[in-house]
Amino acid sequence: MRSIQEAGGILRGEITDYESFVVERQPKSKALTALAVFVGKDDELVSGKIYPVRILPSGSFVVRDESGESVICDKTDFLIAKFQPKAEKLLRELVSA
């Protein structure tokens, strides 16, 4: 309880003699993303459709299903597709629309 009261005093400017510290966070690593063709069986995803996927550290994929919900899928349900940079940019625009 004392620490809560002290914090209130610091916030109100009543206590000015206190120690402070700074916690530095590691920047979040940019998530790996790819375009992948769904080859599994699922009621919420379309077989043969190209989806933008986010690759988790575990190797699983996060994808938005047809209703717009994010779902985690096994990587064996997808084939990663490689395209020329211009084609990939165009496809990403199309599948994100």
PDB file of N, CA and C in Angstrom:
ATOM      1  N   MET A   1       0.832  -1.195   0.000  1.00  0.00           N
ATOM      2  CA  MET A   1       0.000   0.000   0.000  1.00  0.00           C
ATOM      3  C   MET A   1       0.874   1.255   0.000  1.00  0.00           C
ATOM      4  N   ARG A   2       1.996   1.163   0.695  1.00  0.00           N
ATOM      5  CA  ARG A   2       2.877   2.332   0.779  1.00  0.00           C
ATOM      6  C   ARG A   2       3.416   2.712  -0.609  1.00  0.00           C
ATOM      7  N   SER A   3       3.762   1.709  -1.411  1.00  0.00           N
ATOM      8  CA  SER A   3       4.299   2.011  -2.741  1.00  0.00           C
ATOM      9  C   SER A   3       3.246   2.664  -3.632  1.00  0.00           C
ATOM     10  N   ILE A   4       1.999   2.281  -3.462  1.00  0.00           N
ATOM     11  CA  ILE A   4       0.922   2.907  -4.242  1.00  0.00           C
ATOM     12  C   ILE A   4       0.756   4.366  -3.830  1.00  0.00           C
ATOM     13  N   GLN A   5       0.807   4.619  -2.536  1.00  0.00           N
ATOM     14  CA  GLN A   5       0.703   5.996  -2.050  1.00  0.00           C
ATOM     15  C   GLN A   5       1.886   6.825  -2.538  1.00  0.00           C
ATOM     16  N   GLU A   6       3.089   6.222  -2.522  1.00  0.00           N
ATOM     17  CA  GLU A   6       4.272   6.931  -2.993  1.00  0.00           C
ATOM     18  C   GLU A   6       4.154   7.239  -4.487  1.00  0.00           C
ATOM     19  N   ALA A   7       3.672   6.283  -5.255  1.00  0.00           N
ATOM     20  CA  ALA A   7       3.494   6.511  -6.691  1.00  0.00           C
ATOM     21  C   ALA A   7       2.510   7.648  -6.943  1.00  0.00           C
ATOM     22  N   GLY A   8       1.427   7.687  -6.169  1.00  0.00           N
ATOM     23  CA  GLY A   8       0.464   8.783  -6.297  1.00  0.00           C
ATOM     24  C   GLY A   8       1.104  10.125  -5.996  1.00  0.00           C
ATOM     25  N   GLY A   9       1.951  10.157  -4.950  1.00  0.00           N
ATOM     26  CA  GLY A   9       2.645  11.398  -4.606  1.00  0.00           C
ATOM     27  C   GLY A   9       3.591  11.844  -5.704  1.00  0.00           C
ATOM     28  N   ILE A  10       4.267  10.891  -6.338  1.00  0.00           N
ATOM     29  CA  ILE A  10       5.172  11.225  -7.447  1.00  0.00           C
ATOM     30  C   ILE A  10       4.377  11.778  -8.618  1.00  0.00           C
ATOM     31  N   LEU A  11       3.276  11.133  -8.959  1.00  0.00           N
ATOM     32  CA  LEU A  11       2.450  11.597 -10.081  1.00  0.00           C
ATOM     33  C   LEU A  11       1.860  12.982  -9.830  1.00  0.00           C
ATOM     34  N   ARG A  12       1.508  13.259  -8.567  1.00  0.00           N
ATOM     35  CA  ARG A  12       0.944  14.577  -8.243  1.00  0.00           C
ATOM     36  C   ARG A  12       2.019  15.632  -8.055  1.00  0.00           C
ATOM     37  N   GLY A  13       3.303  15.233  -8.075  1.00  0.00           N
ATOM     38  CA  GLY A  13       4.394  16.187  -7.902  1.00  0.00           C
ATOM     39  C   GLY A  13       4.700  16.501  -6.452  1.00  0.00           C
ATOM     40  N   GLU A  14       4.108  15.778  -5.516  1.00  0.00           N
ATOM     41  CA  GLU A  14       4.349  16.018  -4.097  1.00  0.00           C
ATOM     42  C   GLU A  14       5.680  15.431  -3.648  1.00  0.00           C
ATOM     43  N   ILE A  15       6.127  14.365  -4.304  1.00  0.00           N
ATOM     44  CA  ILE A  15       7.405  13.734  -3.993  1.00  0.00           C
ATOM     45  C   ILE A  15       8.313  13.933  -5.195  1.00  0.00           C
ATOM     46  N   THR A  16       9.468  14.567  -4.941  1.00  0.00           N
ATOM     47  CA  THR A  16      10.385  14.829  -6.052  1.00  0.00           C
ATOM     48  C   THR A  16      11.704  14.087  -5.891  1.00  0.00           C
ATOM     49  N   ASP A  17      11.962  13.535  -4.714  1.00  0.00           N
ATOM     50  CA  ASP A  17      13.208  12.823  -4.466  1.00  0.00           C
ATOM     51  C   ASP A  17      12.930  11.319  -4.549  1.00  0.00           C
ATOM     52  N   TYR A  18      13.093  10.764  -5.706  1.00  0.00           N
ATOM     53  CA  TYR A  18      12.838   9.342  -5.910  1.00  0.00           C
ATOM     54  C   TYR A  18      13.789   8.806  -6.966  1.00  0.00           C
ATOM     55  N   GLU A  19      13.991   7.505  -6.946  1.00  0.00           N
ATOM     56  CA  GLU A  19      14.840   6.857  -7.927  1.00  0.00           C
ATOM     57  C   GLU A  19      13.987   6.425  -9.118  1.00  0.00           C
ATOM     58  N   SER A  20      14.568   6.491 -10.269  1.00  0.00           N
ATOM     59  CA  SER A  20      13.857   6.021 -11.458  1.00  0.00           C
ATOM     60  C   SER A  20      14.772   5.106 -12.245  1.00  0.00           C
ATOM     61  N   PHE A  21      14.199   4.296 -13.061  1.00  0.00           N
ATOM     62  CA  PHE A  21      14.974   3.421 -13.915  1.00  0.00           C
ATOM     63  C   PHE A  21      14.258   3.298 -15.252  1.00  0.00           C
ATOM     64  N   VAL A  22      15.017   2.939 -16.247  1.00  0.00           N
ATOM     65  CA  VAL A  22      14.484   2.810 -17.597  1.00  0.00           C
ATOM     66  C   VAL A  22      14.658   1.369 -18.050  1.00  0.00           C
ATOM     67  N   VAL A  23      13.608   0.810 -18.568  1.00  0.00           N
ATOM     68  CA  VAL A  23      13.663  -0.546 -19.119  1.00  0.00           C
ATOM     69  C   VAL A  23      13.681  -0.419 -20.632  1.00  0.00           C
ATOM     70  N   GLU A  24      14.723  -0.934 -21.236  1.00  0.00           N
ATOM     71  CA  GLU A  24      14.825  -0.897 -22.689  1.00  0.00           C
ATOM     72  C   GLU A  24      14.312  -2.214 -23.243  1.00  0.00           C
ATOM     73  N   ARG A  25      13.374  -2.129 -24.145  1.00  0.00           N
ATOM     74  CA  ARG A  25      12.829  -3.331 -24.765  1.00  0.00           C
ATOM     75  C   ARG A  25      13.538  -3.589 -26.079  1.00  0.00           C
ATOM     76  N   GLN A  26      13.701  -4.851 -26.347  1.00  0.00           N
ATOM     77  CA  GLN A  26      14.250  -5.233 -27.636  1.00  0.00           C
ATOM     78  C   GLN A  26      13.204  -4.932 -28.698  1.00  0.00           C
ATOM     79  N   PRO A  27      13.610  -4.368 -29.816  1.00  0.00           N
ATOM     80  CA  PRO A  27      12.620  -4.119 -30.867  1.00  0.00           C
ATOM     81  C   PRO A  27      12.054  -5.445 -31.358  1.00  0.00           C
ATOM     82  N   LYS A  28      10.758  -5.421 -31.654  1.00  0.00           N
ATOM     83  CA  LYS A  28      10.124  -6.633 -32.167  1.00  0.00           C
ATOM     84  C   LYS A  28      10.705  -6.938 -33.535  1.00  0.00           C
ATOM     85  N   SER A  29      11.010  -8.200 -33.733  1.00  0.00           N
ATOM     86  CA  SER A  29      11.523  -8.578 -35.035  1.00  0.00           C
ATOM     87  C   SER A  29      10.370  -8.550 -36.033  1.00  0.00           C
ATOM     88  N   LYS A  30      10.712  -8.158 -37.213  1.00  0.00           N
ATOM     89  CA  LYS A  30       9.694  -8.090 -38.248  1.00  0.00           C
ATOM     90  C   LYS A  30       9.222  -9.506 -38.562  1.00  0.00           C
ATOM     91  N   ALA A  31       7.942  -9.690 -38.534  1.00  0.00           N
ATOM     92  CA  ALA A  31       7.381 -11.019 -38.782  1.00  0.00           C
ATOM     93  C   ALA A  31       7.673 -11.443 -40.216  1.00  0.00           C
ATOM     94  N   LEU A  32       7.998 -12.701 -40.355  1.00  0.00           N
ATOM     95  CA  LEU A  32       8.205 -13.239 -41.693  1.00  0.00           C
ATOM     96  C   LEU A  32       6.850 -13.441 -42.343  1.00  0.00           C
ATOM     97  N   THR A  33       6.724 -12.948 -43.547  1.00  0.00           N
ATOM     98  CA  THR A  33       5.480 -13.129 -44.289  1.00  0.00           C
ATOM     99  C   THR A  33       5.799 -13.738 -45.646  1.00  0.00           C
ATOM    100  N   ALA A  34       4.812 -14.377 -46.203  1.00  0.00           N
ATOM    101  CA  ALA A  34       4.979 -14.997 -47.515  1.00  0.00           C
ATOM    102  C   ALA A  34       3.619 -15.113 -48.174  1.00  0.00           C
ATOM    103  N   LEU A  35       3.642 -15.419 -49.452  1.00  0.00           N
ATOM    104  CA  LEU A  35       2.431 -15.801 -50.162  1.00  0.00           C
ATOM    105  C   LEU A  35       2.464 -17.319 -50.267  1.00  0.00           C
ATOM    106  N   ALA A  36       1.339 -17.936 -49.949  1.00  0.00           N
ATOM    107  CA  ALA A  36       1.303 -19.390 -49.957  1.00  0.00           C
ATOM    108  C   ALA A  36      -0.021 -19.883 -50.519  1.00  0.00           C
ATOM    109  N   VAL A  37       0.036 -21.014 -51.199  1.00  0.00           N
ATOM    110  CA  VAL A  37      -1.149 -21.642 -51.779  1.00  0.00           C
ATOM    111  C   VAL A  37      -1.683 -22.657 -50.770  1.00  0.00           C
ATOM    112  N   PHE A  38      -2.973 -22.556 -50.460  1.00  0.00           N
ATOM    113  CA  PHE A  38      -3.581 -23.496 -49.524  1.00  0.00           C
ATOM    114  C   PHE A  38      -3.857 -24.809 -50.240  1.00  0.00           C
ATOM    115  N   VAL A  39      -3.312 -25.909 -49.701  1.00  0.00           N
ATOM    116  CA  VAL A  39      -3.496 -27.224 -50.307  1.00  0.00           C
ATOM    117  C   VAL A  39      -4.148 -28.207 -49.330  1.00  0.00           C
ATOM    118  N   GLY A  40      -4.517 -27.723 -48.146  1.00  0.00           N
ATOM    119  CA  GLY A  40      -5.133 -28.583 -47.142  1.00  0.00           C
ATOM    120  C   GLY A  40      -6.635 -28.647 -47.323  1.00  0.00           C
ATOM    121  N   LYS A  41      -7.278 -29.204 -46.304  1.00  0.00           N
ATOM    122  CA  LYS A  41      -8.740 -29.291 -46.302  1.00  0.00           C
ATOM    123  C   LYS A  41      -9.249 -28.535 -45.088  1.00  0.00           C
ATOM    124  N   ASP A  42     -10.088 -27.549 -45.342  1.00  0.00           N
ATOM    125  CA  ASP A  42     -10.624 -26.725 -44.267  1.00  0.00           C
ATOM    126  C   ASP A  42     -11.887 -26.064 -44.795  1.00  0.00           C
ATOM    127  N   ASP A  43     -12.897 -25.969 -43.944  1.00  0.00           N
ATOM    128  CA  ASP A  43     -14.153 -25.352 -44.368  1.00  0.00           C
ATOM    129  C   ASP A  43     -14.043 -23.841 -44.520  1.00  0.00           C
ATOM    130  N   GLU A  44     -13.046 -23.233 -43.873  1.00  0.00           N
ATOM    131  CA  GLU A  44     -12.926 -21.774 -43.871  1.00  0.00           C
ATOM    132  C   GLU A  44     -11.897 -21.243 -44.870  1.00  0.00           C
ATOM    133  N   LEU A  45     -11.128 -22.126 -45.494  1.00  0.00           N
ATOM    134  CA  LEU A  45     -10.122 -21.717 -46.472  1.00  0.00           C
ATOM    135  C   LEU A  45     -10.407 -22.411 -47.799  1.00  0.00           C
ATOM    136  N   VAL A  46     -10.008 -21.759 -48.891  1.00  0.00           N
ATOM    137  CA  VAL A  46     -10.293 -22.269 -50.234  1.00  0.00           C
ATOM    138  C   VAL A  46      -9.055 -22.975 -50.784  1.00  0.00           C
ATOM    139  N   SER A  47      -9.206 -24.238 -51.113  1.00  0.00           N
ATOM    140  CA  SER A  47      -8.100 -25.010 -51.673  1.00  0.00           C
ATOM    141  C   SER A  47      -7.659 -24.402 -53.002  1.00  0.00           C
ATOM    142  N   GLY A  48      -6.355 -24.237 -53.171  1.00  0.00           N
ATOM    143  CA  GLY A  48      -5.802 -23.663 -54.400  1.00  0.00           C
ATOM    144  C   GLY A  48      -5.699 -22.149 -54.390  1.00  0.00           C
ATOM    145  N   LYS A  49      -6.228 -21.493 -53.361  1.00  0.00           N
ATOM    146  CA  LYS A  49      -6.184 -20.034 -53.293  1.00  0.00           C
ATOM    147  C   LYS A  49      -4.856 -19.578 -52.685  1.00  0.00           C
ATOM    148  N   ILE A  50      -4.356 -18.443 -53.171  1.00  0.00           N
ATOM    149  CA  ILE A  50      -3.135 -17.847 -52.624  1.00  0.00           C
ATOM    150  C   ILE A  50      -3.522 -16.952 -51.449  1.00  0.00           C
ATOM    151  N   TYR A  51      -2.878 -17.184 -50.317  1.00  0.00           N
ATOM    152  CA  TYR A  51      -3.113 -16.392 -49.109  1.00  0.00           C
ATOM    153  C   TYR A  51      -1.810 -15.753 -48.645  1.00  0.00           C
ATOM    154  N   PRO A  52      -1.887 -14.509 -48.158  1.00  0.00           N
ATOM    155  CA  PRO A  52      -0.714 -13.972 -47.467  1.00  0.00           C
ATOM    156  C   PRO A  52      -0.667 -14.632 -46.089  1.00  0.00           C
ATOM    157  N   VAL A  53       0.490 -15.148 -45.708  1.00  0.00           N
ATOM    158  CA  VAL A  53       0.623 -15.824 -44.421  1.00  0.00           C
ATOM    159  C   VAL A  53       1.726 -15.171 -43.610  1.00  0.00           C
ATOM    160  N   ARG A  54       1.546 -15.216 -42.305  1.00  0.00           N
ATOM    161  CA  ARG A  54       2.591 -14.779 -41.375  1.00  0.00           C
ATOM    162  C   ARG A  54       3.153 -16.046 -40.763  1.00  0.00           C
ATOM    163  N   ILE A  55       4.467 -16.180 -40.798  1.00  0.00           N
ATOM    164  CA  ILE A  55       5.116 -17.393 -40.314  1.00  0.00           C
ATOM    165  C   ILE A  55       5.538 -17.189 -38.860  1.00  0.00           C
ATOM    166  N   LEU A  56       5.020 -18.036 -37.985  1.00  0.00           N
ATOM    167  CA  LEU A  56       5.339 -17.973 -36.563  1.00  0.00           C
ATOM    168  C   LEU A  56       6.678 -18.652 -36.288  1.00  0.00           C
ATOM    169  N   PRO A  57       7.342 -18.307 -35.175  1.00  0.00           N
ATOM    170  CA  PRO A  57       8.608 -18.972 -34.844  1.00  0.00           C
ATOM    171  C   PRO A  57       8.487 -20.494 -34.773  1.00  0.00           C
ATOM    172  N   SER A  58       7.303 -20.996 -34.438  1.00  0.00           N
ATOM    173  CA  SER A  58       7.080 -22.443 -34.357  1.00  0.00           C
ATOM    174  C   SER A  58       7.020 -23.087 -35.742  1.00  0.00           C
ATOM    175  N   GLY A  59       6.879 -22.263 -36.785  1.00  0.00           N
ATOM    176  CA  GLY A  59       6.756 -22.778 -38.143  1.00  0.00           C
ATOM    177  C   GLY A  59       5.315 -22.827 -38.623  1.00  0.00           C
ATOM    178  N   SER A  60       4.363 -22.639 -37.720  1.00  0.00           N
ATOM    179  CA  SER A  60       2.955 -22.592 -38.116  1.00  0.00           C
ATOM    180  C   SER A  60       2.684 -21.286 -38.858  1.00  0.00           C
ATOM    181  N   PHE A  61       1.570 -21.252 -39.563  1.00  0.00           N
ATOM    182  CA  PHE A  61       1.194 -20.063 -40.321  1.00  0.00           C
ATOM    183  C   PHE A  61      -0.047 -19.423 -39.715  1.00  0.00           C
ATOM    184  N   VAL A  62      -0.086 -18.107 -39.744  1.00  0.00           N
ATOM    185  CA  VAL A  62      -1.295 -17.362 -39.385  1.00  0.00           C
ATOM    186  C   VAL A  62      -1.852 -16.808 -40.681  1.00  0.00           C
ATOM    187  N   VAL A  63      -3.132 -17.071 -40.913  1.00  0.00           N
ATOM    188  CA  VAL A  63      -3.777 -16.649 -42.152  1.00  0.00           C
ATOM    189  C   VAL A  63      -5.182 -16.159 -41.824  1.00  0.00           C
ATOM    190  N   ARG A  64      -5.695 -15.235 -42.608  1.00  0.00           N
ATOM    191  CA  ARG A  64      -7.080 -14.783 -42.447  1.00  0.00           C
ATOM    192  C   ARG A  64      -7.964 -15.678 -43.298  1.00  0.00           C
ATOM    193  N   ASP A  65      -8.978 -16.270 -42.648  1.00  0.00           N
ATOM    194  CA  ASP A  65      -9.884 -17.147 -43.388  1.00  0.00           C
ATOM    195  C   ASP A  65     -10.889 -16.316 -44.174  1.00  0.00           C
ATOM    196  N   GLU A  66     -11.804 -16.970 -44.832  1.00  0.00           N
ATOM    197  CA  GLU A  66     -12.763 -16.284 -45.703  1.00  0.00           C
ATOM    198  C   GLU A  66     -13.708 -15.360 -44.945  1.00  0.00           C
ATOM    199  N   SER A  67     -13.866 -15.581 -43.637  1.00  0.00           N
ATOM    200  CA  SER A  67     -14.720 -14.686 -42.845  1.00  0.00           C
ATOM    201  C   SER A  67     -13.923 -13.524 -42.256  1.00  0.00           C
ATOM    202  N   GLY A  68     -12.591 -13.513 -42.485  1.00  0.00           N
ATOM    203  CA  GLY A  68     -11.755 -12.432 -41.990  1.00  0.00           C
ATOM    204  C   GLY A  68     -11.111 -12.708 -40.646  1.00  0.00           C
ATOM    205  N   GLU A  69     -11.361 -13.879 -40.083  1.00  0.00           N
ATOM    206  CA  GLU A  69     -10.776 -14.251 -38.795  1.00  0.00           C
ATOM    207  C   GLU A  69      -9.360 -14.779 -38.994  1.00  0.00           C
ATOM    208  N   SER A  70      -8.459 -14.463 -38.058  1.00  0.00           N
ATOM    209  CA  SER A  70      -7.110 -15.017 -38.094  1.00  0.00           C
ATOM    210  C   SER A  70      -7.130 -16.431 -37.535  1.00  0.00           C
ATOM    211  N   VAL A  71      -6.526 -17.347 -38.267  1.00  0.00           N
ATOM    212  CA  VAL A  71      -6.443 -18.733 -37.814  1.00  0.00           C
ATOM    213  C   VAL A  71      -5.002 -19.211 -37.939  1.00  0.00           C
ATOM    214  N   ILE A  72      -4.622 -20.114 -37.049  1.00  0.00           N
ATOM    215  CA  ILE A  72      -3.295 -20.712 -37.095  1.00  0.00           C
ATOM    216  C   ILE A  72      -3.413 -22.045 -37.818  1.00  0.00           C
ATOM    217  N   CYS A  73      -2.582 -22.224 -38.825  1.00  0.00           N
ATOM    218  CA  CYS A  73      -2.631 -23.432 -39.635  1.00  0.00           C
ATOM    219  C   CYS A  73      -1.281 -24.131 -39.625  1.00  0.00           C
ATOM    220  N   ASP A  74      -1.303 -25.413 -39.860  1.00  0.00           N
ATOM    221  CA  ASP A  74      -0.077 -26.180 -39.974  1.00  0.00           C
ATOM    222  C   ASP A  74       0.605 -25.838 -41.291  1.00  0.00           C
ATOM    223  N   LYS A  75       1.913 -25.777 -41.266  1.00  0.00           N
ATOM    224  CA  LYS A  75       2.643 -25.395 -42.480  1.00  0.00           C
ATOM    225  C   LYS A  75       2.480 -26.421 -43.598  1.00  0.00           C
ATOM    226  N   THR A  76       2.102 -27.652 -43.255  1.00  0.00           N
ATOM    227  CA  THR A  76       1.918 -28.676 -44.299  1.00  0.00           C
ATOM    228  C   THR A  76       0.660 -28.443 -45.124  1.00  0.00           C
ATOM    229  N   ASP A  77      -0.195 -27.514 -44.682  1.00  0.00           N
ATOM    230  CA  ASP A  77      -1.411 -27.191 -45.435  1.00  0.00           C
ATOM    231  C   ASP A  77      -1.162 -26.162 -46.536  1.00  0.00           C
ATOM    232  N   PHE A  78       0.077 -25.675 -46.640  1.00  0.00           N
ATOM    233  CA  PHE A  78       0.396 -24.623 -47.603  1.00  0.00           C
ATOM    234  C   PHE A  78       1.657 -24.949 -48.384  1.00  0.00           C
ATOM    235  N   LEU A  79       1.729 -24.391 -49.584  1.00  0.00           N
ATOM    236  CA  LEU A  79       2.948 -24.398 -50.380  1.00  0.00           C
ATOM    237  C   LEU A  79       3.377 -22.946 -50.535  1.00  0.00           C
ATOM    238  N   ILE A  80       4.580 -22.625 -50.098  1.00  0.00           N
ATOM    239  CA  ILE A  80       5.092 -21.263 -50.251  1.00  0.00           C
ATOM    240  C   ILE A  80       5.297 -21.001 -51.741  1.00  0.00           C
ATOM    241  N   ALA A  81       4.808 -19.865 -52.198  1.00  0.00           N
ATOM    242  CA  ALA A  81       4.926 -19.498 -53.610  1.00  0.00           C
ATOM    243  C   ALA A  81       5.979 -18.397 -53.759  1.00  0.00           C
ATOM    244  N   LYS A  82       6.870 -18.567 -54.706  1.00  0.00           N
ATOM    245  CA  LYS A  82       7.907 -17.568 -54.996  1.00  0.00           C
ATOM    246  C   LYS A  82       7.580 -16.908 -56.338  1.00  0.00           C
ATOM    247  N   PHE A  83       7.648 -15.574 -56.340  1.00  0.00           N
ATOM    248  CA  PHE A  83       7.336 -14.817 -57.548  1.00  0.00           C
ATOM    249  C   PHE A  83       8.403 -13.768 -57.781  1.00  0.00           C
ATOM    250  N   GLN A  84       8.464 -13.256 -58.996  1.00  0.00           N
ATOM    251  CA  GLN A  84       9.299 -12.110 -59.287  1.00  0.00           C
ATOM    252  C   GLN A  84       8.775 -10.928 -58.456  1.00  0.00           C
ATOM    253  N   PRO A  85       9.634 -10.005 -58.025  1.00  0.00           N
ATOM    254  CA  PRO A  85       9.204  -8.911 -57.141  1.00  0.00           C
ATOM    255  C   PRO A  85       7.985  -8.137 -57.637  1.00  0.00           C
ATOM    256  N   LYS A  86       7.929  -7.804 -58.923  1.00  0.00           N
ATOM    257  CA  LYS A  86       6.780  -7.047 -59.444  1.00  0.00           C
ATOM    258  C   LYS A  86       5.500  -7.870 -59.354  1.00  0.00           C
ATOM    259  N   ALA A  87       5.596  -9.154 -59.697  1.00  0.00           N
ATOM    260  CA  ALA A  87       4.423 -10.027 -59.629  1.00  0.00           C
ATOM    261  C   ALA A  87       3.981 -10.213 -58.175  1.00  0.00           C
ATOM    262  N   GLU A  88       4.936 -10.359 -57.266  1.00  0.00           N
ATOM    263  CA  GLU A  88       4.571 -10.537 -55.853  1.00  0.00           C
ATOM    264  C   GLU A  88       3.878  -9.289 -55.321  1.00  0.00           C
ATOM    265  N   LYS A  89       4.373  -8.115 -55.685  1.00  0.00           N
ATOM    266  CA  LYS A  89       3.734  -6.871 -55.223  1.00  0.00           C
ATOM    267  C   LYS A  89       2.303  -6.811 -55.719  1.00  0.00           C
ATOM    268  N   LEU A  90       2.080  -7.122 -56.977  1.00  0.00           N
ATOM    269  CA  LEU A  90       0.737  -7.101 -57.543  1.00  0.00           C
ATOM    270  C   LEU A  90      -0.162  -8.137 -56.856  1.00  0.00           C
ATOM    271  N   LEU A  91       0.351  -9.341 -56.652  1.00  0.00           N
ATOM    272  CA  LEU A  91      -0.450 -10.378 -55.992  1.00  0.00           C
ATOM    273  C   LEU A  91      -0.788 -10.001 -54.546  1.00  0.00           C
ATOM    274  N   ARG A  92       0.167  -9.420 -53.829  1.00  0.00           N
ATOM    275  CA  ARG A  92      -0.123  -8.986 -52.452  1.00  0.00           C
ATOM    276  C   ARG A  92      -1.231  -7.940 -52.422  1.00  0.00           C
ATOM    277  N   GLU A  93      -1.219  -7.035 -53.390  1.00  0.00           N
ATOM    278  CA  GLU A  93      -2.291  -6.040 -53.470  1.00  0.00           C
ATOM    279  C   GLU A  93      -3.634  -6.709 -53.754  1.00  0.00           C
ATOM    280  N   LEU A  94      -3.630  -7.696 -54.628  1.00  0.00           N
ATOM    281  CA  LEU A  94      -4.877  -8.384 -54.991  1.00  0.00           C
ATOM    282  C   LEU A  94      -5.423  -9.210 -53.845  1.00  0.00           C
ATOM    283  N   VAL A  95      -4.565  -9.964 -53.139  1.00  0.00           N
ATOM    284  CA  VAL A  95      -5.067 -10.830 -52.076  1.00  0.00           C
ATOM    285  C   VAL A  95      -5.388 -10.049 -50.805  1.00  0.00           C
ATOM    286  N   SER A  96      -4.878  -8.829 -50.683  1.00  0.00           N
ATOM    287  CA  SER A  96      -5.180  -8.012 -49.505  1.00  0.00           C
ATOM    288  C   SER A  96      -6.459  -7.228 -49.684  1.00  0.00           C
ATOM    289  N   ALA A  97      -6.930  -7.118 -50.909  1.00  0.00           N
ATOM    290  CA  ALA A  97      -8.135  -6.314 -51.173  1.00  0.00           C
ATOM    291  C   ALA A  97      -9.396  -6.996 -50.694  1.00  0.00           C
TER     292      ALA A  97
END
